[in-house]
């Protein structure tokens, strides 16, 4: 199976583990600009699902990708949830 994967998957394309390793190395590299280190850290966090929040309400479970919403949208959603918490 591994042999087949090696043939089918192009060696020019970084796999998940390689991308995670590269982003980790960049995030820790003090020679890079802070903005580049922050971006590597953000990509690593997104790949690991750190920006996904699980919300449970009255037995209903929903998964929300917070990175897809603006700050204003998130504030509106939070206000709505607070207002309707005990409904």
Protein backbone atom coordinates (compact mmCIF):
# COMPACT_ATOMS: atom_id res chain seq x y z
CA UNK A 1 0.00 0.00 0.00
CA UNK A 2 2.81 2.44 0.86
CA UNK A 3 4.47 1.66 -2.45
CA UNK A 4 1.25 2.53 -4.28
CA UNK A 5 0.92 5.76 -2.31
CA UNK A 6 4.48 6.73 -3.24
CA UNK A 7 3.67 6.24 -6.93
CA UNK A 8 0.32 8.04 -6.85
CA UNK A 9 1.27 10.98 -4.63
CA UNK A 10 3.68 13.44 -6.19
CA UNK A 11 6.86 13.92 -4.17
CA UNK A 12 6.71 17.60 -5.16
CA UNK A 13 3.61 18.09 -2.97
CA UNK A 14 4.21 18.41 0.77
CA UNK A 15 2.07 16.04 2.82
CA UNK A 16 0.32 17.04 6.04
CA UNK A 17 3.19 16.03 8.33
CA UNK A 18 5.71 17.95 6.26
CA UNK A 19 3.55 21.09 6.25
CA UNK A 20 3.07 20.85 10.02
CA UNK A 21 6.82 20.44 10.52
CA UNK A 22 7.64 23.40 8.25
CA UNK A 23 5.12 25.71 9.95
CA UNK A 24 6.38 24.65 13.39
CA UNK A 25 9.99 25.37 12.41
CA UNK A 26 9.03 28.76 10.98
CA UNK A 27 7.00 29.71 14.07
CA UNK A 28 10.06 28.99 16.25
CA UNK A 29 12.64 30.67 13.96
CA UNK A 30 13.76 33.87 15.71
CA UNK A 31 15.50 35.01 12.52
CA UNK A 32 12.17 35.45 10.71
CA UNK A 33 10.07 38.61 10.93
CA UNK A 34 7.44 38.45 13.69
CA UNK A 35 4.65 38.72 11.10
CA UNK A 36 5.99 35.65 9.26
CA UNK A 37 6.28 33.70 12.50
CA UNK A 38 2.73 34.72 13.45
CA UNK A 39 1.40 33.62 10.05
CA UNK A 40 3.14 30.24 10.35
CA UNK A 41 1.64 29.87 13.82
CA UNK A 42 -1.81 30.75 12.48
CA UNK A 43 -1.56 28.21 9.64
CA UNK A 44 -0.42 25.57 12.09
CA UNK A 45 -3.33 26.35 14.43
CA UNK A 46 -5.84 26.22 11.56
CA UNK A 47 -4.46 22.89 10.39
CA UNK A 48 -4.84 21.52 13.92
CA UNK A 49 -8.42 22.82 14.25
CA UNK A 50 -7.65 25.29 17.04
CA UNK A 51 -10.14 27.84 15.68
CA UNK A 52 -13.13 25.52 15.79
CA UNK A 53 -15.46 25.86 18.73
CA UNK A 54 -18.03 23.29 19.72
CA UNK A 55 -21.29 24.73 21.09
CA UNK A 56 -23.95 22.66 22.87
CA UNK A 57 -27.42 24.06 23.46
CA UNK A 58 -30.36 22.06 24.79
CA UNK A 59 -28.91 18.79 23.55
CA UNK A 60 -28.10 20.20 20.11
CA UNK A 61 -24.43 20.17 19.09
CA UNK A 62 -23.01 22.49 16.45
CA UNK A 63 -19.48 23.01 15.19
CA UNK A 64 -18.55 26.54 14.21
CA UNK A 65 -15.40 27.56 12.31
CA UNK A 66 -14.78 30.93 13.96
CA UNK A 67 -12.19 31.99 11.41
CA UNK A 68 -14.92 32.27 8.75
CA UNK A 69 -16.71 35.12 10.58
CA UNK A 70 -15.81 38.75 11.12
CA UNK A 71 -15.43 40.14 14.63
CA UNK A 72 -18.72 42.02 14.24
CA UNK A 73 -20.53 38.83 13.17
CA UNK A 74 -19.13 36.97 16.17
CA UNK A 75 -20.24 39.76 18.52
CA UNK A 76 -23.76 39.62 17.06
CA UNK A 77 -23.89 35.81 17.46
CA UNK A 78 -22.67 36.07 21.05
CA UNK A 79 -25.26 38.73 21.88
CA UNK A 80 -27.99 36.57 20.33
CA UNK A 81 -26.91 33.50 22.29
CA UNK A 82 -26.83 35.49 25.54
CA UNK A 83 -30.32 36.90 24.91
CA UNK A 84 -31.76 33.48 24.06
CA UNK A 85 -29.82 31.40 26.59
CA UNK A 86 -32.82 30.48 28.72
CA UNK A 87 -35.47 30.35 25.98
